[in-house]
Amino acid sequence: MPQYRPAGQVKADALDREAAAAGHHSGVVGDDYIRITVFLAAVLFLVGIGSTFRLHTIRYVLIGVGSLLLILATVLILLQPGLPG
């Protein structure tokens, strides 16, 4: 019967849309935290392999790139929602 609408269907549809939006936002935030973790792992990797080179130029370049990634990761952490302000 096309004219039949269950009681509360409009509210249920609104709550469903709200839950979908909240789930999408949580997925984006989770992806951002994974990206930050990869940046921090790259910092550890670059500084770790930088200490094995004998040429100081290569060491300084790897430490410099690692430092830039560390600064980027720190900024991204501070921009994440839910941190105490």
C-alpha atoms as a PDB file:
ATOM      1  CA  MET A   1       0.000   0.000   0.000  1.00  0.00           C
ATOM      2  CA  PRO A   2       1.806   3.157  -1.159  1.00  0.00           C
ATOM      3  CA  GLN A   3      -0.182   5.499   1.084  1.00  0.00           C
ATOM      4  CA  TYR A   4       0.947   3.704   4.276  1.00  0.00           C
ATOM      5  CA  ARG A   5       3.834   5.318   6.157  1.00  0.00           C
ATOM      6  CA  PRO A   6       5.014   3.753   9.394  1.00  0.00           C
ATOM      7  CA  ALA A   7       4.957   6.006  12.417  1.00  0.00           C
ATOM      8  CA  GLY A   8       8.358   7.600  13.023  1.00  0.00           C
ATOM      9  CA  GLN A   9       9.703   6.867   9.519  1.00  0.00           C
ATOM     10  CA  VAL A  10      10.694  10.505   8.939  1.00  0.00           C
ATOM     11  CA  LYS A  11      12.579  10.603  12.236  1.00  0.00           C
ATOM     12  CA  ALA A  12      14.232   7.274  11.468  1.00  0.00           C
ATOM     13  CA  ASP A  13      15.396   8.556   8.077  1.00  0.00           C
ATOM     14  CA  ALA A  14      16.825  11.712   9.670  1.00  0.00           C
ATOM     15  CA  LEU A  15      18.669   9.693  12.314  1.00  0.00           C
ATOM     16  CA  ASP A  16      20.009   7.369   9.621  1.00  0.00           C
ATOM     17  CA  ARG A  17      21.430  10.315   7.652  1.00  0.00           C
ATOM     18  CA  GLU A  18      22.947  11.750  10.838  1.00  0.00           C
ATOM     19  CA  ALA A  19      24.591   8.422  11.685  1.00  0.00           C
ATOM     20  CA  ALA A  20      25.985   8.086   8.159  1.00  0.00           C
ATOM     21  CA  ALA A  21      27.491  11.583   8.354  1.00  0.00           C
ATOM     22  CA  ALA A  22      29.034  10.859  11.762  1.00  0.00           C
ATOM     23  CA  GLY A  23      30.464   7.584  10.480  1.00  0.00           C
ATOM     24  CA  HIS A  24      31.981   9.288   7.452  1.00  0.00           C
ATOM     25  CA  HIS A  25      33.566  11.955   9.683  1.00  0.00           C
ATOM     26  CA  SER A  26      35.004   9.285  11.991  1.00  0.00           C
ATOM     27  CA  GLY A  27      36.471   7.462   9.002  1.00  0.00           C
ATOM     28  CA  VAL A  28      38.173  10.637   7.775  1.00  0.00           C
ATOM     29  CA  VAL A  29      39.615  11.346  11.226  1.00  0.00           C
ATOM     30  CA  GLY A  30      40.877   7.756  11.482  1.00  0.00           C
ATOM     31  CA  ASP A  31      42.541   8.054   8.074  1.00  0.00           C
ATOM     32  CA  ASP A  32      44.221  11.268   9.205  1.00  0.00           C
ATOM     33  CA  TYR A  33      45.654   9.529  12.288  1.00  0.00           C
ATOM     34  CA  ILE A  34      47.003   6.704  10.126  1.00  0.00           C
ATOM     35  CA  ARG A  35      48.659   9.268   7.832  1.00  0.00           C
ATOM     36  CA  ILE A  36      50.270  10.934  10.862  1.00  0.00           C
ATOM     37  CA  THR A  37      51.536   7.546  12.064  1.00  0.00           C
ATOM     38  CA  VAL A  38      53.136   6.908   8.668  1.00  0.00           C
ATOM     39  CA  PHE A  39      54.858  10.318   8.789  1.00  0.00           C
ATOM     40  CA  LEU A  40      56.217   9.595  12.259  1.00  0.00           C
ATOM     41  CA  ALA A  41      57.448   6.154  11.159  1.00  0.00           C
ATOM     42  CA  ALA A  42      59.176   7.799   8.186  1.00  0.00           C
ATOM     43  CA  VAL A  43      60.924  10.193  10.577  1.00  0.00           C
ATOM     44  CA  LEU A  44      62.275   7.285  12.605  1.00  0.00           C
ATOM     45  CA  PHE A  45      63.350   5.465   9.450  1.00  0.00           C
ATOM     46  CA  LEU A  46      65.137   8.446   7.898  1.00  0.00           C
ATOM     47  CA  VAL A  47      66.981   9.378  11.067  1.00  0.00           C
ATOM     48  CA  GLY A  48      67.867   5.725  11.658  1.00  0.00           C
ATOM     49  CA  ILE A  49      69.368   5.136   8.239  1.00  0.00           C
ATOM     50  CA  GLY A  50      70.941   8.577   8.273  1.00  0.00           C
ATOM     51  CA  SER A  51      73.217   7.535  11.103  1.00  0.00           C
ATOM     52  CA  THR A  52      74.692   4.704   9.003  1.00  0.00           C
ATOM     53  CA  PHE A  53      76.114   6.931   6.240  1.00  0.00           C
ATOM     54  CA  ARG A  54      79.701   8.125   6.473  1.00  0.00           C
ATOM     55  CA  LEU A  55      79.117  11.232   4.362  1.00  0.00           C
ATOM     56  CA  HIS A  56      77.918  14.035   6.584  1.00  0.00           C
ATOM     57  CA  THR A  57      76.009  15.660   3.716  1.00  0.00           C
ATOM     58  CA  ILE A  58      73.727  12.660   3.345  1.00  0.00           C
ATOM     59  CA  ARG A  59      73.237  12.509   7.108  1.00  0.00           C
ATOM     60  CA  TYR A  60      72.244  16.161   7.258  1.00  0.00           C
ATOM     61  CA  VAL A  61      69.869  15.849   4.309  1.00  0.00           C
ATOM     62  CA  LEU A  62      68.112  12.832   5.834  1.00  0.00           C
ATOM     63  CA  ILE A  63      67.900  14.491   9.239  1.00  0.00           C
ATOM     64  CA  GLY A  64      66.559  17.649   7.566  1.00  0.00           C
ATOM     65  CA  VAL A  65      63.863  15.733   5.689  1.00  0.00           C
ATOM     66  CA  GLY A  66      63.025  13.855   8.880  1.00  0.00           C
ATOM     67  CA  SER A  67      62.751  17.133  10.772  1.00  0.00           C
ATOM     68  CA  LEU A  68      60.377  18.554   8.179  1.00  0.00           C
ATOM     69  CA  LEU A  69      58.205  15.439   8.401  1.00  0.00           C
ATOM     70  CA  LEU A  70      58.234  15.700  12.194  1.00  0.00           C
ATOM     71  CA  ILE A  71      57.077  19.313  12.031  1.00  0.00           C
ATOM     72  CA  LEU A  72      54.354  18.359   9.537  1.00  0.00           C
ATOM     73  CA  ALA A  73      53.175  15.489  11.752  1.00  0.00           C
ATOM     74  CA  THR A  74      53.127  17.760  14.811  1.00  0.00           C
ATOM     75  CA  VAL A  75      51.012  20.354  12.995  1.00  0.00           C
ATOM     76  CA  LEU A  76      48.614  17.646  11.783  1.00  0.00           C
ATOM     77  CA  ILE A  77      48.296  16.266  15.323  1.00  0.00           C
ATOM     78  CA  LEU A  78      47.451  19.702  16.664  1.00  0.00           C
ATOM     79  CA  LEU A  79      44.797  20.179  13.983  1.00  0.00           C
ATOM     80  CA  GLN A  80      42.989  16.942  14.865  1.00  0.00           C
ATOM     81  CA  PRO A  81      39.599  17.233  16.593  1.00  0.00           C
ATOM     82  CA  GLY A  82      39.119  16.189  20.171  1.00  0.00           C
ATOM     83  CA  LEU A  83      42.337  17.554  21.620  1.00  0.00           C
ATOM     84  CA  PRO A  84      42.053  19.514  24.838  1.00  0.00           C
ATOM     85  CA  GLY A  85      42.092  23.172  23.981  1.00  0.00           C
END
